[in-house]
Amino acid sequence: VRQHKTPPANASAALARAFELEPEVTELRVSYAWDLARQGEYDRAIALVEFLAHDPHDPKPGQRLLKQLQRMKSGLPATDKADDIADDLGV
């Protein structure tokens, strides 16, 4: 997310595997969701982020990310930077 570069395919595969092993790690969840969205897999990305958007302690950052992914899915540009949302989520 923070390098602003398209990762190589093996990096995306490694990120998917890391998330599979540790789905409770917010940083992995957010990074994997952005990577899926970058690949056009918006429904999968949105499903990952809905978990964060329903956080009973602080749902706002997750809701913000969810809104961005929904905009991207509909063909609109994201209005917030990935870095800003990652900062809000503490990753």
N, C-alpha and C. Protein backbone atom coordinates (compact mmCIF):
# COMPACT_ATOMS: atom_id res chain seq x y z
N VAL A 1 0.83 -1.19 0.00
CA VAL A 1 0.00 0.00 0.00
C VAL A 1 0.87 1.25 0.00
N ARG A 2 1.85 1.29 0.86
CA ARG A 2 2.62 2.51 1.05
C ARG A 2 3.67 2.76 -0.04
N GLN A 3 4.03 1.77 -0.80
CA GLN A 3 5.05 1.97 -1.82
C GLN A 3 4.48 2.54 -3.11
N HIS A 4 3.18 2.52 -3.27
CA HIS A 4 2.51 3.06 -4.45
C HIS A 4 3.00 2.43 -5.74
N LYS A 5 3.32 1.16 -5.68
CA LYS A 5 3.77 0.42 -6.85
C LYS A 5 2.91 -0.83 -6.99
N THR A 6 2.77 -1.30 -8.21
CA THR A 6 2.08 -2.56 -8.43
C THR A 6 3.01 -3.69 -8.00
N PRO A 7 2.58 -4.50 -7.05
CA PRO A 7 3.46 -5.57 -6.59
C PRO A 7 3.56 -6.70 -7.61
N PRO A 8 4.68 -7.42 -7.60
CA PRO A 8 4.78 -8.57 -8.49
C PRO A 8 3.77 -9.65 -8.07
N ALA A 9 3.47 -10.54 -9.00
CA ALA A 9 2.46 -11.58 -8.74
C ALA A 9 2.82 -12.43 -7.52
N ASN A 10 4.10 -12.73 -7.36
CA ASN A 10 4.47 -13.58 -6.22
C ASN A 10 4.25 -12.84 -4.89
N ALA A 11 4.35 -11.50 -4.89
CA ALA A 11 4.08 -10.75 -3.68
C ALA A 11 2.59 -10.80 -3.34
N SER A 12 1.75 -10.70 -4.36
CA SER A 12 0.31 -10.81 -4.13
C SER A 12 -0.05 -12.18 -3.59
N ALA A 13 0.58 -13.21 -4.12
CA ALA A 13 0.33 -14.57 -3.64
C ALA A 13 0.79 -14.73 -2.20
N ALA A 14 1.92 -14.14 -1.88
CA ALA A 14 2.44 -14.22 -0.50
C ALA A 14 1.52 -13.47 0.46
N LEU A 15 1.01 -12.33 0.03
CA LEU A 15 0.09 -11.57 0.86
C LEU A 15 -1.20 -12.36 1.10
N ALA A 16 -1.69 -13.00 0.08
CA ALA A 16 -2.89 -13.84 0.22
C ALA A 16 -2.64 -14.97 1.22
N ARG A 17 -1.49 -15.58 1.14
CA ARG A 17 -1.15 -16.68 2.05
C ARG A 17 -0.99 -16.17 3.48
N ALA A 18 -0.35 -15.01 3.63
CA ALA A 18 -0.17 -14.44 4.97
C ALA A 18 -1.53 -14.14 5.60
N PHE A 19 -2.44 -13.59 4.81
CA PHE A 19 -3.77 -13.31 5.34
C PHE A 19 -4.50 -14.61 5.71
N GLU A 20 -4.33 -15.62 4.89
CA GLU A 20 -4.95 -16.92 5.17
C GLU A 20 -4.48 -17.47 6.52
N LEU A 21 -3.20 -17.25 6.83
CA LEU A 21 -2.64 -17.75 8.09
C LEU A 21 -2.96 -16.87 9.30
N GLU A 22 -3.08 -15.56 9.08
CA GLU A 22 -3.29 -14.62 10.18
C GLU A 22 -4.38 -13.60 9.86
N PRO A 23 -5.63 -14.03 9.67
CA PRO A 23 -6.68 -13.09 9.25
C PRO A 23 -7.02 -12.03 10.30
N GLU A 24 -6.60 -12.23 11.52
CA GLU A 24 -6.91 -11.26 12.57
C GLU A 24 -5.97 -10.06 12.57
N VAL A 25 -4.90 -10.10 11.78
CA VAL A 25 -3.95 -9.00 11.72
C VAL A 25 -4.50 -7.92 10.78
N THR A 26 -4.84 -6.78 11.35
CA THR A 26 -5.48 -5.71 10.59
C THR A 26 -4.63 -5.27 9.41
N GLU A 27 -3.34 -5.12 9.60
CA GLU A 27 -2.47 -4.67 8.51
C GLU A 27 -2.53 -5.62 7.32
N LEU A 28 -2.54 -6.92 7.58
CA LEU A 28 -2.66 -7.90 6.49
C LEU A 28 -4.02 -7.78 5.82
N ARG A 29 -5.07 -7.65 6.60
CA ARG A 29 -6.43 -7.55 6.06
C ARG A 29 -6.55 -6.33 5.14
N VAL A 30 -6.05 -5.19 5.57
CA VAL A 30 -6.14 -3.96 4.79
C VAL A 30 -5.29 -4.07 3.52
N SER A 31 -4.06 -4.52 3.68
CA SER A 31 -3.17 -4.65 2.52
C SER A 31 -3.73 -5.63 1.50
N TYR A 32 -4.27 -6.74 1.98
CA TYR A 32 -4.84 -7.74 1.08
C TYR A 32 -6.09 -7.19 0.38
N ALA A 33 -6.91 -6.44 1.12
CA ALA A 33 -8.10 -5.84 0.50
C ALA A 33 -7.71 -4.86 -0.60
N TRP A 34 -6.72 -4.01 -0.35
CA TRP A 34 -6.27 -3.08 -1.39
C TRP A 34 -5.71 -3.83 -2.59
N ASP A 35 -4.96 -4.90 -2.32
CA ASP A 35 -4.39 -5.68 -3.41
C ASP A 35 -5.49 -6.33 -4.25
N LEU A 36 -6.50 -6.87 -3.60
CA LEU A 36 -7.62 -7.45 -4.33
C LEU A 36 -8.33 -6.39 -5.17
N ALA A 37 -8.54 -5.21 -4.60
CA ALA A 37 -9.20 -4.14 -5.35
C ALA A 37 -8.35 -3.73 -6.55
N ARG A 38 -7.05 -3.67 -6.37
CA ARG A 38 -6.15 -3.34 -7.47
C ARG A 38 -6.29 -4.33 -8.61
N GLN A 39 -6.61 -5.57 -8.26
CA GLN A 39 -6.78 -6.63 -9.26
C GLN A 39 -8.22 -6.68 -9.80
N GLY A 40 -9.07 -5.77 -9.33
CA GLY A 40 -10.46 -5.76 -9.79
C GLY A 40 -11.37 -6.71 -9.03
N GLU A 41 -10.89 -7.29 -7.95
CA GLU A 41 -11.67 -8.23 -7.14
C GLU A 41 -12.38 -7.47 -6.01
N TYR A 42 -13.25 -6.55 -6.42
CA TYR A 42 -13.87 -5.65 -5.45
C TYR A 42 -14.76 -6.36 -4.44
N ASP A 43 -15.53 -7.34 -4.87
CA ASP A 43 -16.43 -8.03 -3.94
C ASP A 43 -15.64 -8.73 -2.84
N ARG A 44 -14.56 -9.36 -3.20
CA ARG A 44 -13.72 -10.03 -2.19
C ARG A 44 -13.10 -9.00 -1.26
N ALA A 45 -12.62 -7.89 -1.81
CA ALA A 45 -12.02 -6.84 -0.99
C ALA A 45 -13.04 -6.26 -0.02
N ILE A 46 -14.23 -6.00 -0.52
CA ILE A 46 -15.30 -5.45 0.32
C ILE A 46 -15.66 -6.43 1.44
N ALA A 47 -15.72 -7.70 1.13
CA ALA A 47 -16.04 -8.70 2.16
C ALA A 47 -15.01 -8.69 3.29
N LEU A 48 -13.74 -8.50 2.95
CA LEU A 48 -12.69 -8.44 3.97
C LEU A 48 -12.84 -7.21 4.85
N VAL A 49 -13.21 -6.10 4.25
CA VAL A 49 -13.27 -4.84 4.97
C VAL A 49 -14.54 -4.70 5.79
N GLU A 50 -15.59 -5.37 5.42
CA GLU A 50 -16.83 -5.29 6.20
C GLU A 50 -16.60 -5.69 7.65
N PHE A 51 -15.68 -6.61 7.86
CA PHE A 51 -15.32 -7.02 9.22
C PHE A 51 -14.84 -5.81 10.03
N LEU A 52 -13.98 -4.98 9.42
CA LEU A 52 -13.45 -3.80 10.10
C LEU A 52 -14.50 -2.72 10.26
N ALA A 53 -15.40 -2.63 9.30
CA ALA A 53 -16.44 -1.61 9.35
C ALA A 53 -17.47 -1.87 10.45
N HIS A 54 -17.46 -3.07 10.99
CA HIS A 54 -18.38 -3.43 12.07
C HIS A 54 -17.66 -3.58 13.40
N ASP A 55 -16.46 -3.05 13.51
CA ASP A 55 -15.69 -3.09 14.75
C ASP A 55 -16.45 -2.31 15.82
N PRO A 56 -16.83 -2.95 16.93
CA PRO A 56 -17.62 -2.25 17.94
C PRO A 56 -16.84 -1.15 18.67
N HIS A 57 -15.51 -1.19 18.59
CA HIS A 57 -14.70 -0.21 19.30
C HIS A 57 -14.40 1.03 18.47
N ASP A 58 -14.17 0.85 17.17
CA ASP A 58 -13.85 1.98 16.29
C ASP A 58 -14.16 1.61 14.85
N PRO A 59 -15.42 1.71 14.45
CA PRO A 59 -15.80 1.30 13.10
C PRO A 59 -15.48 2.33 12.01
N LYS A 60 -15.20 3.58 12.36
CA LYS A 60 -15.08 4.64 11.36
C LYS A 60 -13.97 4.40 10.33
N PRO A 61 -12.75 4.01 10.72
CA PRO A 61 -11.74 3.76 9.68
C PRO A 61 -12.14 2.64 8.73
N GLY A 62 -12.73 1.57 9.25
CA GLY A 62 -13.19 0.48 8.40
C GLY A 62 -14.32 0.92 7.48
N GLN A 63 -15.20 1.75 8.00
CA GLN A 63 -16.30 2.27 7.17
C GLN A 63 -15.75 3.17 6.07
N ARG A 64 -14.72 3.93 6.40
CA ARG A 64 -14.09 4.81 5.40
C ARG A 64 -13.46 3.99 4.27
N LEU A 65 -12.76 2.93 4.66
CA LEU A 65 -12.15 2.06 3.66
C LEU A 65 -13.22 1.36 2.83
N LEU A 66 -14.27 0.90 3.47
CA LEU A 66 -15.37 0.25 2.77
C LEU A 66 -15.98 1.19 1.73
N LYS A 67 -16.18 2.43 2.12
CA LYS A 67 -16.74 3.42 1.19
C LYS A 67 -15.83 3.59 -0.02
N GLN A 68 -14.52 3.63 0.20
CA GLN A 68 -13.59 3.80 -0.91
C GLN A 68 -13.65 2.61 -1.87
N LEU A 69 -13.69 1.42 -1.32
CA LEU A 69 -13.76 0.22 -2.18
C LEU A 69 -15.06 0.18 -2.96
N GLN A 70 -16.16 0.60 -2.33
CA GLN A 70 -17.44 0.63 -3.03
C GLN A 70 -17.42 1.67 -4.16
N ARG A 71 -16.77 2.80 -3.94
CA ARG A 71 -16.62 3.80 -5.00
C ARG A 71 -15.81 3.23 -6.15
N MET A 72 -14.71 2.57 -5.82
CA MET A 72 -13.85 1.99 -6.85
C MET A 72 -14.61 0.95 -7.65
N LYS A 73 -15.40 0.14 -6.97
CA LYS A 73 -16.18 -0.90 -7.64
C LYS A 73 -17.15 -0.29 -8.64
N SER A 74 -17.71 0.85 -8.29
CA SER A 74 -18.68 1.49 -9.18
C SER A 74 -18.01 2.31 -10.29
N GLY A 75 -16.67 2.28 -10.33
CA GLY A 75 -15.95 2.98 -11.39
C GLY A 75 -15.53 4.39 -11.05
N LEU A 76 -15.82 4.83 -9.83
CA LEU A 76 -15.43 6.16 -9.39
C LEU A 76 -14.05 6.11 -8.75
N PRO A 77 -13.31 7.20 -8.79
CA PRO A 77 -12.00 7.19 -8.13
C PRO A 77 -12.16 7.23 -6.62
N ALA A 78 -11.19 6.68 -5.93
CA ALA A 78 -11.18 6.77 -4.48
C ALA A 78 -10.97 8.22 -4.09
N THR A 79 -11.66 8.68 -3.08
CA THR A 79 -11.53 10.07 -2.66
C THR A 79 -10.48 10.24 -1.56
N ASP A 80 -10.11 9.16 -0.92
CA ASP A 80 -9.10 9.20 0.13
C ASP A 80 -7.89 8.40 -0.31
N LYS A 81 -6.73 8.78 0.19
CA LYS A 81 -5.50 8.05 -0.12
C LYS A 81 -5.43 6.80 0.75
N ALA A 82 -4.89 5.75 0.17
CA ALA A 82 -4.72 4.49 0.92
C ALA A 82 -3.89 4.71 2.18
N ASP A 83 -2.86 5.54 2.09
CA ASP A 83 -2.01 5.80 3.24
C ASP A 83 -2.79 6.43 4.38
N ASP A 84 -3.69 7.37 4.05
CA ASP A 84 -4.48 8.04 5.09
C ASP A 84 -5.40 7.05 5.79
N ILE A 85 -6.01 6.19 5.03
CA ILE A 85 -6.90 5.19 5.62
C ILE A 85 -6.10 4.20 6.45
N ALA A 86 -4.94 3.79 5.95
CA ALA A 86 -4.09 2.86 6.71
C ALA A 86 -3.67 3.50 8.03
N ASP A 87 -3.34 4.78 8.01
CA ASP A 87 -2.99 5.48 9.25
C ASP A 87 -4.15 5.47 10.23
N ASP A 88 -5.36 5.73 9.72
CA ASP A 88 -6.55 5.72 10.58
C ASP A 88 -6.75 4.36 11.22
N LEU A 89 -6.40 3.31 10.49
CA LEU A 89 -6.57 1.95 11.01
C LEU A 89 -5.40 1.52 11.88
N GLY A 90 -4.39 2.36 11.96
CA GLY A 90 -3.23 2.04 12.80
C GLY A 90 -2.30 1.04 12.17
N VAL A 91 -2.27 0.97 10.86
CA VAL A 91 -1.37 0.03 10.17
C VAL A 91 -0.33 0.77 9.37
